[in-house]
């Protein structure tokens, strides 16, 4: 059997740790549990991630990157500029309906690591700022009269939908989040389009 490269080992450890972190919370998962789940030796894990903070930060960054990839693909598949914004909320409605949904990884991380100096906290905050910037760009493309205001409103609706669904279940938050996004887009961009 061929030895794995450093990059393959890193990805394997991250793929093993990610579901544990998401399901149980980052602080609740010990490195021993991750090593056991990954089925590798201590040296393999610590060579790639010298501390749990390094692993937690890599997990949060991977989740942030994966979110943007999926959402940009969903928005890119829609021609109507207003529909691009709504596609984000449609995908979100599907995400929160999954049996394993436990909230937004960025918001969860922000709660677990409130210290702004913690690198995982910084990644979570940077992600939310990037989402707001992306919403602003989409709002500009959709002809919003005040793209920054619409972006901030959409971020509030998105975060509220993600948080509420983790507590109350997906049905109401998914439906209401999409309806609120549609109302905000219509009010900011006019009646034409979706």
N, C-alpha and C. Protein backbone atom coordinates (compact mmCIF):
# COMPACT_ATOMS: atom_id res chain seq x y z
N UNK A 1 0.84 -1.18 0.00
CA UNK A 1 0.00 0.00 0.00
C UNK A 1 0.89 1.25 0.00
N UNK A 2 0.57 2.19 -0.86
CA UNK A 2 1.35 3.42 -0.99
C UNK A 2 1.12 4.33 0.21
N UNK A 3 2.19 4.99 0.62
CA UNK A 3 2.07 5.96 1.72
C UNK A 3 1.31 7.19 1.23
N UNK A 4 0.54 7.76 2.13
CA UNK A 4 -0.19 8.98 1.79
C UNK A 4 0.75 10.17 1.84
N UNK A 5 0.47 11.14 1.00
CA UNK A 5 1.23 12.38 1.03
C UNK A 5 0.80 13.20 2.24
N UNK A 6 1.56 14.22 2.55
CA UNK A 6 1.21 15.11 3.66
C UNK A 6 -0.16 15.75 3.41
N UNK A 7 -0.41 16.15 2.18
CA UNK A 7 -1.70 16.77 1.86
C UNK A 7 -2.84 15.78 2.03
N UNK A 8 -2.62 14.53 1.63
CA UNK A 8 -3.66 13.50 1.80
C UNK A 8 -3.91 13.22 3.28
N UNK A 9 -2.84 13.14 4.07
CA UNK A 9 -3.00 12.94 5.51
C UNK A 9 -3.75 14.10 6.14
N UNK A 10 -3.40 15.31 5.73
CA UNK A 10 -4.07 16.50 6.27
C UNK A 10 -5.56 16.44 5.97
N UNK A 11 -5.90 16.14 4.72
CA UNK A 11 -7.30 16.08 4.33
C UNK A 11 -8.04 14.96 5.05
N UNK A 12 -7.38 13.82 5.25
CA UNK A 12 -8.00 12.70 5.95
C UNK A 12 -8.31 13.05 7.40
N UNK A 13 -7.36 13.66 8.08
CA UNK A 13 -7.58 14.07 9.47
C UNK A 13 -8.69 15.10 9.55
N UNK A 14 -8.67 16.06 8.65
CA UNK A 14 -9.70 17.09 8.63
C UNK A 14 -11.08 16.49 8.35
N UNK A 15 -11.13 15.55 7.42
CA UNK A 15 -12.41 14.88 7.09
C UNK A 15 -12.92 14.04 8.26
N UNK A 16 -12.02 13.54 9.07
CA UNK A 16 -12.43 12.77 10.25
C UNK A 16 -12.87 13.69 11.38
N UNK A 17 -12.18 14.79 11.55
CA UNK A 17 -12.48 15.71 12.65
C UNK A 17 -13.73 16.54 12.37
N UNK A 18 -13.95 16.93 11.12
CA UNK A 18 -15.05 17.84 10.79
C UNK A 18 -16.40 17.40 11.30
N UNK A 19 -16.85 16.17 10.98
CA UNK A 19 -18.17 15.75 11.48
C UNK A 19 -18.25 15.69 13.00
N UNK A 20 -17.14 15.32 13.64
CA UNK A 20 -17.14 15.30 15.11
C UNK A 20 -17.29 16.72 15.66
N UNK A 21 -16.52 17.64 15.12
CA UNK A 21 -16.62 19.03 15.56
C UNK A 21 -18.03 19.58 15.35
N UNK A 22 -18.60 19.29 14.20
CA UNK A 22 -19.92 19.82 13.89
C UNK A 22 -20.99 19.20 14.78
N UNK A 23 -20.93 17.91 14.95
CA UNK A 23 -21.97 17.19 15.72
C UNK A 23 -21.87 17.46 17.22
N UNK A 24 -20.63 17.47 17.76
CA UNK A 24 -20.47 17.54 19.21
C UNK A 24 -20.01 18.91 19.72
N UNK A 25 -19.48 19.73 18.82
CA UNK A 25 -18.88 21.00 19.22
C UNK A 25 -17.38 20.84 19.29
N UNK A 26 -16.65 21.86 18.90
CA UNK A 26 -15.19 21.76 18.82
C UNK A 26 -14.58 21.50 20.19
N UNK A 27 -15.02 22.21 21.19
CA UNK A 27 -14.43 22.06 22.53
C UNK A 27 -14.69 20.69 23.12
N UNK A 28 -15.79 20.05 22.76
CA UNK A 28 -16.16 18.75 23.33
C UNK A 28 -15.37 17.59 22.75
N UNK A 29 -14.72 17.81 21.63
CA UNK A 29 -14.00 16.72 20.95
C UNK A 29 -12.52 16.81 21.30
N UNK A 30 -11.99 15.70 21.81
CA UNK A 30 -10.58 15.64 22.15
C UNK A 30 -9.74 15.13 20.99
N UNK A 31 -8.47 15.43 21.04
CA UNK A 31 -7.57 14.96 19.99
C UNK A 31 -7.50 13.44 19.94
N UNK A 32 -7.60 12.78 21.10
CA UNK A 32 -7.59 11.31 21.11
C UNK A 32 -8.77 10.76 20.32
N UNK A 33 -9.92 11.38 20.44
CA UNK A 33 -11.11 10.95 19.69
C UNK A 33 -10.89 11.14 18.19
N UNK A 34 -10.26 12.23 17.82
CA UNK A 34 -9.99 12.49 16.40
C UNK A 34 -8.99 11.47 15.85
N UNK A 35 -7.95 11.20 16.62
CA UNK A 35 -6.94 10.22 16.20
C UNK A 35 -7.60 8.85 16.01
N UNK A 36 -8.45 8.47 16.94
CA UNK A 36 -9.16 7.18 16.83
C UNK A 36 -10.07 7.16 15.60
N UNK A 37 -10.82 8.23 15.41
CA UNK A 37 -11.74 8.32 14.28
C UNK A 37 -10.98 8.27 12.94
N UNK A 38 -9.84 8.93 12.89
CA UNK A 38 -9.05 8.97 11.67
C UNK A 38 -8.30 7.66 11.42
N UNK A 39 -8.08 6.89 12.49
CA UNK A 39 -7.37 5.63 12.34
C UNK A 39 -5.91 5.81 11.97
N UNK A 40 -5.31 6.86 12.51
CA UNK A 40 -3.90 7.15 12.23
C UNK A 40 -3.17 7.34 13.56
N UNK A 41 -1.86 7.42 13.48
CA UNK A 41 -1.07 7.63 14.67
C UNK A 41 -1.03 9.09 15.09
N UNK A 42 -0.64 9.28 16.35
CA UNK A 42 -0.53 10.64 16.89
C UNK A 42 0.37 11.52 16.02
N UNK A 43 1.48 10.95 15.59
CA UNK A 43 2.45 11.73 14.82
C UNK A 43 1.85 12.24 13.52
N UNK A 44 1.01 11.44 12.89
CA UNK A 44 0.37 11.86 11.64
C UNK A 44 -0.51 13.08 11.86
N UNK A 45 -1.27 13.05 12.94
CA UNK A 45 -2.17 14.17 13.24
C UNK A 45 -1.36 15.41 13.61
N UNK A 46 -0.43 15.25 14.54
CA UNK A 46 0.28 16.42 15.05
C UNK A 46 1.28 16.99 14.05
N UNK A 47 1.68 16.20 13.09
CA UNK A 47 2.55 16.73 12.03
C UNK A 47 1.76 17.72 11.16
N UNK A 48 0.50 17.42 10.95
CA UNK A 48 -0.34 18.28 10.12
C UNK A 48 -0.96 19.43 10.94
N UNK A 49 -1.30 19.14 12.18
CA UNK A 49 -1.98 20.11 13.04
C UNK A 49 -1.30 20.09 14.40
N UNK A 50 -0.33 20.98 14.63
CA UNK A 50 0.44 20.95 15.88
C UNK A 50 -0.41 21.08 17.14
N UNK A 51 -1.55 21.76 17.03
CA UNK A 51 -2.44 21.90 18.18
C UNK A 51 -3.89 21.72 17.71
N UNK A 52 -4.77 21.53 18.67
CA UNK A 52 -6.19 21.44 18.35
C UNK A 52 -6.69 22.76 17.76
N UNK A 53 -6.14 23.87 18.20
CA UNK A 53 -6.54 25.16 17.65
C UNK A 53 -6.23 25.23 16.15
N UNK A 54 -5.10 24.67 15.74
CA UNK A 54 -4.77 24.63 14.31
C UNK A 54 -5.81 23.80 13.55
N UNK A 55 -6.18 22.67 14.11
CA UNK A 55 -7.16 21.80 13.47
C UNK A 55 -8.54 22.46 13.44
N UNK A 56 -8.93 23.08 14.54
CA UNK A 56 -10.23 23.76 14.61
C UNK A 56 -10.30 24.88 13.58
N UNK A 57 -9.24 25.63 13.46
CA UNK A 57 -9.20 26.75 12.51
C UNK A 57 -9.28 26.24 11.08
N UNK A 58 -8.57 25.16 10.79
CA UNK A 58 -8.62 24.57 9.44
C UNK A 58 -10.03 24.05 9.14
N UNK A 59 -10.68 23.46 10.13
CA UNK A 59 -12.07 22.98 9.96
C UNK A 59 -13.00 24.14 9.63
N UNK A 60 -12.90 25.22 10.38
CA UNK A 60 -13.79 26.37 10.17
C UNK A 60 -13.53 26.98 8.78
N UNK A 61 -12.27 27.08 8.39
CA UNK A 61 -11.94 27.63 7.07
C UNK A 61 -12.48 26.73 5.96
N UNK A 62 -12.35 25.42 6.14
CA UNK A 62 -12.87 24.49 5.14
C UNK A 62 -14.38 24.61 5.00
N UNK A 63 -15.08 24.74 6.12
CA UNK A 63 -16.53 24.90 6.07
C UNK A 63 -16.92 26.21 5.40
N UNK A 64 -16.18 27.27 5.70
CA UNK A 64 -16.44 28.57 5.08
C UNK A 64 -16.23 28.49 3.57
N UNK A 65 -15.14 27.89 3.15
CA UNK A 65 -14.84 27.76 1.72
C UNK A 65 -15.89 26.91 1.02
N UNK A 66 -16.31 25.81 1.66
CA UNK A 66 -17.31 24.92 1.06
C UNK A 66 -18.65 25.65 0.91
N UNK A 67 -19.00 26.47 1.89
CA UNK A 67 -20.25 27.23 1.81
C UNK A 67 -20.22 28.15 0.59
N UNK A 68 -19.14 28.89 0.44
CA UNK A 68 -19.04 29.81 -0.70
C UNK A 68 -19.06 29.07 -2.03
N UNK A 69 -18.40 27.94 -2.10
CA UNK A 69 -18.40 27.17 -3.35
C UNK A 69 -19.82 26.77 -3.72
N UNK A 70 -20.55 26.22 -2.78
CA UNK A 70 -21.93 25.76 -3.05
C UNK A 70 -22.85 26.93 -3.40
N UNK A 71 -22.75 28.01 -2.64
CA UNK A 71 -23.65 29.13 -2.86
C UNK A 71 -23.35 29.85 -4.17
N UNK A 72 -22.07 29.99 -4.49
CA UNK A 72 -21.72 30.63 -5.77
C UNK A 72 -22.18 29.78 -6.94
N UNK A 73 -22.09 28.46 -6.81
CA UNK A 73 -22.60 27.58 -7.86
C UNK A 73 -24.12 27.75 -8.01
N UNK A 74 -24.83 27.79 -6.89
CA UNK A 74 -26.28 27.94 -6.93
C UNK A 74 -26.66 29.28 -7.55
N UNK A 75 -26.01 30.35 -7.13
CA UNK A 75 -26.31 31.67 -7.69
C UNK A 75 -25.91 31.74 -9.16
N UNK A 76 -24.80 31.11 -9.51
CA UNK A 76 -24.33 31.13 -10.88
C UNK A 76 -25.24 30.39 -11.85
N UNK A 77 -26.04 29.48 -11.32
CA UNK A 77 -26.95 28.70 -12.16
C UNK A 77 -28.23 29.48 -12.50
N UNK A 78 -28.38 30.66 -11.92
CA UNK A 78 -29.58 31.48 -12.11
C UNK A 78 -29.21 32.71 -12.93
N UNK A 79 -30.00 33.02 -13.94
CA UNK A 79 -29.70 34.20 -14.78
C UNK A 79 -30.21 35.49 -14.17
N UNK A 80 -31.39 35.46 -13.59
CA UNK A 80 -32.01 36.66 -13.03
C UNK A 80 -31.19 37.15 -11.83
N UNK A 81 -30.74 38.40 -11.83
CA UNK A 81 -29.92 38.91 -10.72
C UNK A 81 -30.60 38.82 -9.36
N UNK A 82 -31.91 39.02 -9.31
CA UNK A 82 -32.63 38.90 -8.04
C UNK A 82 -32.70 37.43 -7.62
N UNK A 83 -32.87 36.58 -8.61
CA UNK A 83 -32.93 35.14 -8.35
C UNK A 83 -31.63 34.60 -7.80
N UNK A 84 -30.51 35.23 -8.15
CA UNK A 84 -29.22 34.80 -7.61
C UNK A 84 -29.21 34.93 -6.09
N UNK A 85 -29.75 36.03 -5.61
CA UNK A 85 -29.83 36.24 -4.15
C UNK A 85 -30.75 35.19 -3.53
N UNK A 86 -31.89 34.99 -4.12
CA UNK A 86 -32.86 34.06 -3.56
C UNK A 86 -32.36 32.62 -3.60
N UNK A 87 -31.49 32.31 -4.55
CA UNK A 87 -30.93 30.96 -4.63
C UNK A 87 -30.18 30.60 -3.35
N UNK A 88 -29.54 31.58 -2.74
CA UNK A 88 -28.82 31.34 -1.49
C UNK A 88 -29.80 30.86 -0.41
N UNK A 89 -30.96 31.48 -0.36
CA UNK A 89 -31.94 31.12 0.66
C UNK A 89 -32.65 29.81 0.32
N UNK A 90 -32.76 29.50 -0.95
CA UNK A 90 -33.33 28.21 -1.34
C UNK A 90 -32.39 27.07 -0.97
N UNK A 91 -31.10 27.23 -1.22
CA UNK A 91 -30.13 26.21 -0.82
C UNK A 91 -30.08 26.09 0.70
N UNK A 92 -30.13 27.22 1.37
CA UNK A 92 -30.14 27.22 2.84
C UNK A 92 -31.34 26.44 3.37
N UNK A 93 -32.50 26.63 2.76
CA UNK A 93 -33.70 25.90 3.19
C UNK A 93 -33.48 24.39 3.08
N UNK A 94 -32.81 23.96 2.02
CA UNK A 94 -32.50 22.55 1.88
C UNK A 94 -31.49 22.08 2.92
N UNK A 95 -30.49 22.90 3.18
CA UNK A 95 -29.45 22.54 4.15
C UNK A 95 -30.02 22.34 5.55
N UNK A 96 -30.86 23.25 5.97
CA UNK A 96 -31.35 23.17 7.35
C UNK A 96 -32.38 22.07 7.53
N UNK A 97 -32.85 21.51 6.43
CA UNK A 97 -33.82 20.42 6.52
C UNK A 97 -33.18 19.06 6.75
N UNK A 98 -31.86 18.98 6.71
CA UNK A 98 -31.17 17.71 6.89
C UNK A 98 -31.26 17.21 8.33
N UNK A 99 -31.28 15.91 8.47
CA UNK A 99 -31.42 15.29 9.80
C UNK A 99 -30.23 15.60 10.71
N UNK A 100 -29.08 15.88 10.14
CA UNK A 100 -27.88 16.13 10.95
C UNK A 100 -27.61 17.62 11.16
N UNK A 101 -28.52 18.49 10.76
CA UNK A 101 -28.30 19.93 10.88
C UNK A 101 -28.19 20.32 12.35
N UNK A 102 -27.12 21.05 12.67
CA UNK A 102 -26.87 21.48 14.04
C UNK A 102 -26.47 22.96 14.09
N UNK A 103 -26.92 23.72 13.12
CA UNK A 103 -26.63 25.14 13.13
C UNK A 103 -25.50 25.51 12.19
N UNK A 104 -25.28 26.80 12.09
CA UNK A 104 -24.23 27.35 11.23
C UNK A 104 -22.87 27.13 11.89
N UNK A 105 -21.94 26.48 11.20
CA UNK A 105 -20.62 26.26 11.80
C UNK A 105 -19.91 27.55 12.20
N UNK A 106 -20.16 28.64 11.46
CA UNK A 106 -19.50 29.90 11.79
C UNK A 106 -20.08 30.50 13.08
N UNK A 107 -21.40 30.48 13.19
CA UNK A 107 -22.03 31.00 14.39
C UNK A 107 -21.70 30.12 15.60
N UNK A 108 -21.68 28.80 15.39
CA UNK A 108 -21.33 27.89 16.47
C UNK A 108 -19.90 28.16 16.95
N UNK A 109 -18.99 28.34 16.01
CA UNK A 109 -17.59 28.60 16.35
C UNK A 109 -17.45 29.93 17.09
N UNK A 110 -18.15 30.92 16.62
CA UNK A 110 -18.11 32.23 17.28
C UNK A 110 -18.55 32.12 18.72
N UNK A 111 -19.56 31.29 18.98
CA UNK A 111 -20.05 31.09 20.34
C UNK A 111 -19.04 30.30 21.18
N UNK A 112 -18.45 29.27 20.60
CA UNK A 112 -17.49 28.44 21.34
C UNK A 112 -16.19 29.18 21.63
N UNK A 113 -15.80 30.07 20.75
CA UNK A 113 -14.53 30.78 20.88
C UNK A 113 -14.80 32.29 20.84
N UNK A 114 -15.27 32.87 21.93
CA UNK A 114 -15.62 34.29 21.93
C UNK A 114 -14.42 35.24 21.89
N UNK A 115 -13.23 34.72 22.16
CA UNK A 115 -12.04 35.57 22.17
C UNK A 115 -11.67 35.96 20.74
N UNK A 116 -11.71 37.24 20.41
CA UNK A 116 -11.38 37.69 19.06
C UNK A 116 -9.97 37.30 18.62
N UNK A 117 -9.09 37.01 19.57
CA UNK A 117 -7.72 36.64 19.22
C UNK A 117 -7.60 35.18 18.80
N UNK A 118 -8.64 34.39 19.06
CA UNK A 118 -8.56 32.97 18.67
C UNK A 118 -8.68 32.87 17.16
N UNK A 119 -7.82 32.10 16.50
CA UNK A 119 -7.84 32.05 15.04
C UNK A 119 -9.14 31.49 14.45
N UNK A 120 -9.78 30.55 15.12
CA UNK A 120 -11.05 30.02 14.61
C UNK A 120 -12.14 31.09 14.68
N UNK A 121 -12.13 31.88 15.74
CA UNK A 121 -13.06 33.00 15.86
C UNK A 121 -12.85 33.98 14.71
N UNK A 122 -11.59 34.29 14.43
CA UNK A 122 -11.28 35.23 13.36
C UNK A 122 -11.77 34.73 12.00
N UNK A 123 -11.63 33.44 11.75
CA UNK A 123 -12.11 32.87 10.49
C UNK A 123 -13.63 32.99 10.40
N UNK A 124 -14.33 32.70 11.50
CA UNK A 124 -15.80 32.78 11.50
C UNK A 124 -16.26 34.21 11.22
N UNK A 125 -15.63 35.18 11.85
CA UNK A 125 -16.00 36.59 11.64
C UNK A 125 -15.68 37.01 10.21
N UNK A 126 -14.51 36.64 9.72
CA UNK A 126 -14.12 36.99 8.35
C UNK A 126 -15.11 36.41 7.35
N UNK A 127 -15.57 35.21 7.60
CA UNK A 127 -16.54 34.58 6.69
C UNK A 127 -17.82 35.40 6.64
N UNK A 128 -18.35 35.79 7.78
CA UNK A 128 -19.60 36.55 7.79
C UNK A 128 -19.42 37.90 7.10
N UNK A 129 -18.28 38.52 7.26
CA UNK A 129 -18.01 39.77 6.55
C UNK A 129 -17.95 39.54 5.04
N UNK A 130 -17.35 38.43 4.63
CA UNK A 130 -17.29 38.09 3.21
C UNK A 130 -18.68 37.81 2.64
N UNK A 131 -19.53 37.16 3.44
CA UNK A 131 -20.90 36.91 2.99
C UNK A 131 -21.62 38.23 2.78
N UNK A 132 -21.44 39.15 3.70
CA UNK A 132 -22.09 40.47 3.56
C UNK A 132 -21.56 41.18 2.32
N UNK A 133 -20.27 41.12 2.08
CA UNK A 133 -19.69 41.75 0.88
C UNK A 133 -20.25 41.11 -0.39
N UNK A 134 -20.39 39.80 -0.37
CA UNK A 134 -20.93 39.09 -1.54
C UNK A 134 -22.40 39.47 -1.77
N UNK A 135 -23.17 39.52 -0.67
CA UNK A 135 -24.56 39.96 -0.79
C UNK A 135 -24.62 41.38 -1.37
N UNK A 136 -23.70 42.25 -0.96
CA UNK A 136 -23.69 43.61 -1.50
C UNK A 136 -23.44 43.59 -3.01
N UNK A 137 -22.50 42.76 -3.45
CA UNK A 137 -22.22 42.66 -4.89
C UNK A 137 -23.44 42.11 -5.63
N UNK A 138 -24.10 41.11 -5.07
CA UNK A 138 -25.31 40.57 -5.70
C UNK A 138 -26.41 41.63 -5.73
N UNK A 139 -26.52 42.40 -4.64
CA UNK A 139 -27.53 43.45 -4.58
C UNK A 139 -27.27 44.54 -5.62
N UNK A 140 -26.00 44.87 -5.82
CA UNK A 140 -25.66 45.85 -6.86
C UNK A 140 -26.07 45.31 -8.22
N UNK A 141 -25.78 44.04 -8.47
CA UNK A 141 -26.16 43.42 -9.73
C UNK A 141 -27.65 43.36 -9.95
N UNK A 142 -28.39 43.30 -8.85
CA UNK A 142 -29.85 43.24 -8.93
C UNK A 142 -30.48 44.62 -8.99
N UNK A 143 -29.67 45.67 -8.92
CA UNK A 143 -30.19 47.03 -9.03
C UNK A 143 -30.76 47.59 -7.74
N UNK A 144 -30.29 47.13 -6.60
CA UNK A 144 -30.79 47.64 -5.32
C UNK A 144 -30.46 49.12 -5.18
N UNK A 145 -31.40 49.88 -4.63
CA UNK A 145 -31.17 51.30 -4.43
C UNK A 145 -30.09 51.55 -3.37
N UNK A 146 -30.00 50.68 -2.37
CA UNK A 146 -28.97 50.78 -1.34
C UNK A 146 -28.41 49.38 -1.11
N UNK A 147 -27.43 48.98 -1.93
CA UNK A 147 -26.92 47.60 -1.86
C UNK A 147 -26.34 47.22 -0.50
N UNK A 148 -25.69 48.15 0.18
CA UNK A 148 -25.11 47.82 1.49
C UNK A 148 -26.21 47.53 2.50
N UNK A 149 -27.24 48.34 2.50
CA UNK A 149 -28.36 48.11 3.42
C UNK A 149 -29.01 46.76 3.15
N UNK A 150 -29.27 46.45 1.88
CA UNK A 150 -29.88 45.17 1.55
C UNK A 150 -28.97 44.02 1.97
N UNK A 151 -27.67 44.15 1.75
CA UNK A 151 -26.72 43.10 2.13
C UNK A 151 -26.78 42.83 3.63
N UNK A 152 -26.80 43.89 4.41
CA UNK A 152 -26.86 43.73 5.87
C UNK A 152 -28.17 43.09 6.30
N UNK A 153 -29.27 43.47 5.67
CA UNK A 153 -30.56 42.87 5.99
C UNK A 153 -30.58 41.38 5.62
N UNK A 154 -30.04 41.06 4.46
CA UNK A 154 -30.00 39.66 4.03
C UNK A 154 -29.15 38.81 4.96
N UNK A 155 -28.04 39.37 5.42
CA UNK A 155 -27.19 38.63 6.36
C UNK A 155 -27.93 38.36 7.67
N UNK A 156 -28.69 39.34 8.13
CA UNK A 156 -29.49 39.13 9.34
C UNK A 156 -30.52 38.03 9.14
N UNK A 157 -31.18 38.04 8.00
CA UNK A 157 -32.18 37.00 7.71
C UNK A 157 -31.51 35.64 7.61
N UNK A 158 -30.38 35.58 6.93
CA UNK A 158 -29.67 34.31 6.78
C UNK A 158 -29.25 33.76 8.15
N UNK A 159 -28.60 34.60 8.95
CA UNK A 159 -28.16 34.14 10.27
C UNK A 159 -29.33 33.77 11.17
N UNK A 160 -30.40 34.54 11.09
CA UNK A 160 -31.59 34.22 11.88
C UNK A 160 -32.21 32.89 11.46
N UNK A 161 -32.24 32.65 10.17
CA UNK A 161 -32.78 31.40 9.65
C UNK A 161 -31.93 30.23 10.14
N UNK A 162 -30.62 30.35 10.02
CA UNK A 162 -29.71 29.28 10.43
C UNK A 162 -29.82 29.00 11.93
N UNK A 163 -29.86 30.04 12.73
CA UNK A 163 -29.91 29.88 14.18
C UNK A 163 -31.25 29.32 14.65
N UNK A 164 -32.32 29.87 14.12
CA UNK A 164 -33.65 29.45 14.56
C UNK A 164 -33.94 28.01 14.15
N UNK A 165 -33.50 27.61 12.97
CA UNK A 165 -33.72 26.24 12.53
C UNK A 165 -33.00 25.24 13.42
N UNK A 166 -31.84 25.62 13.97
CA UNK A 166 -31.11 24.72 14.86
C UNK A 166 -31.87 24.49 16.16
N UNK A 167 -32.71 25.44 16.53
CA UNK A 167 -33.46 25.34 17.79
C UNK A 167 -34.86 24.78 17.57
N UNK A 168 -35.55 25.28 16.55
CA UNK A 168 -36.97 24.95 16.37
C UNK A 168 -37.26 23.99 15.23
N UNK A 169 -36.26 23.64 14.46
CA UNK A 169 -36.50 22.77 13.31
C UNK A 169 -36.61 23.60 12.05
N UNK A 170 -36.55 22.94 10.89
CA UNK A 170 -36.40 23.66 9.63
C UNK A 170 -37.65 24.27 9.04
N UNK A 171 -38.82 23.75 9.31
CA UNK A 171 -39.99 24.12 8.53
C UNK A 171 -40.29 25.61 8.53
N UNK A 172 -40.55 26.18 9.66
CA UNK A 172 -40.86 27.61 9.72
C UNK A 172 -39.70 28.48 9.29
N UNK A 173 -38.50 28.27 9.86
CA UNK A 173 -37.37 29.12 9.46
C UNK A 173 -37.05 29.06 7.98
N UNK A 174 -37.11 27.90 7.37
CA UNK A 174 -36.80 27.79 5.94
C UNK A 174 -37.81 28.58 5.12
N UNK A 175 -39.08 28.40 5.42
CA UNK A 175 -40.14 29.08 4.68
C UNK A 175 -40.09 30.59 4.91
N UNK A 176 -39.96 30.98 6.17
CA UNK A 176 -39.97 32.40 6.50
C UNK A 176 -38.70 33.11 6.05
N UNK A 177 -37.55 32.45 6.14
CA UNK A 177 -36.30 33.05 5.69
C UNK A 177 -36.36 33.38 4.20
N UNK A 178 -36.85 32.43 3.41
CA UNK A 178 -36.97 32.66 1.97
C UNK A 178 -37.99 33.76 1.68
N UNK A 179 -39.12 33.75 2.39
CA UNK A 179 -40.15 34.78 2.18
C UNK A 179 -39.62 36.17 2.54
N UNK A 180 -38.89 36.26 3.65
CA UNK A 180 -38.34 37.56 4.06
C UNK A 180 -37.30 38.05 3.07
N UNK A 181 -36.44 37.14 2.59
CA UNK A 181 -35.44 37.53 1.59
C UNK A 181 -36.13 38.04 0.34
N UNK A 182 -37.17 37.36 -0.09
CA UNK A 182 -37.91 37.78 -1.29
C UNK A 182 -38.51 39.17 -1.09
N UNK A 183 -39.09 39.43 0.08
CA UNK A 183 -39.68 40.74 0.37
C UNK A 183 -38.62 41.84 0.37
N UNK A 184 -37.48 41.56 0.99
CA UNK A 184 -36.40 42.54 1.04
C UNK A 184 -35.87 42.87 -0.34
N UNK A 185 -35.68 41.83 -1.16
CA UNK A 185 -35.17 42.03 -2.51
C UNK A 185 -36.16 42.83 -3.34
N UNK A 186 -37.44 42.48 -3.24
CA UNK A 186 -38.46 43.21 -3.99
C UNK A 186 -38.52 44.68 -3.57
N UNK A 187 -38.46 44.92 -2.26
CA UNK A 187 -38.52 46.29 -1.77
C UNK A 187 -37.29 47.09 -2.20
N UNK A 188 -36.12 46.46 -2.22
CA UNK A 188 -34.90 47.17 -2.54
C UNK A 188 -34.63 47.31 -4.03
N UNK A 189 -35.20 46.37 -4.82
CA UNK A 189 -34.86 46.33 -6.25
C UNK A 189 -36.05 46.57 -7.16
N UNK A 190 -37.22 46.72 -6.61
CA UNK A 190 -38.40 46.93 -7.45
C UNK A 190 -39.15 45.64 -7.68
N UNK A 191 -40.25 45.73 -8.40
CA UNK A 191 -41.17 44.62 -8.56
C UNK A 191 -40.81 43.62 -9.65
N UNK A 192 -39.94 43.99 -10.58
CA UNK A 192 -39.63 43.05 -11.68
C UNK A 192 -38.71 41.98 -11.20
N UNK A 193 -38.60 40.88 -11.93
CA UNK A 193 -37.76 39.75 -11.57
C UNK A 193 -38.47 38.84 -10.62
N UNK A 194 -37.71 37.95 -9.98
CA UNK A 194 -38.34 36.94 -9.11
C UNK A 194 -38.77 37.54 -7.81
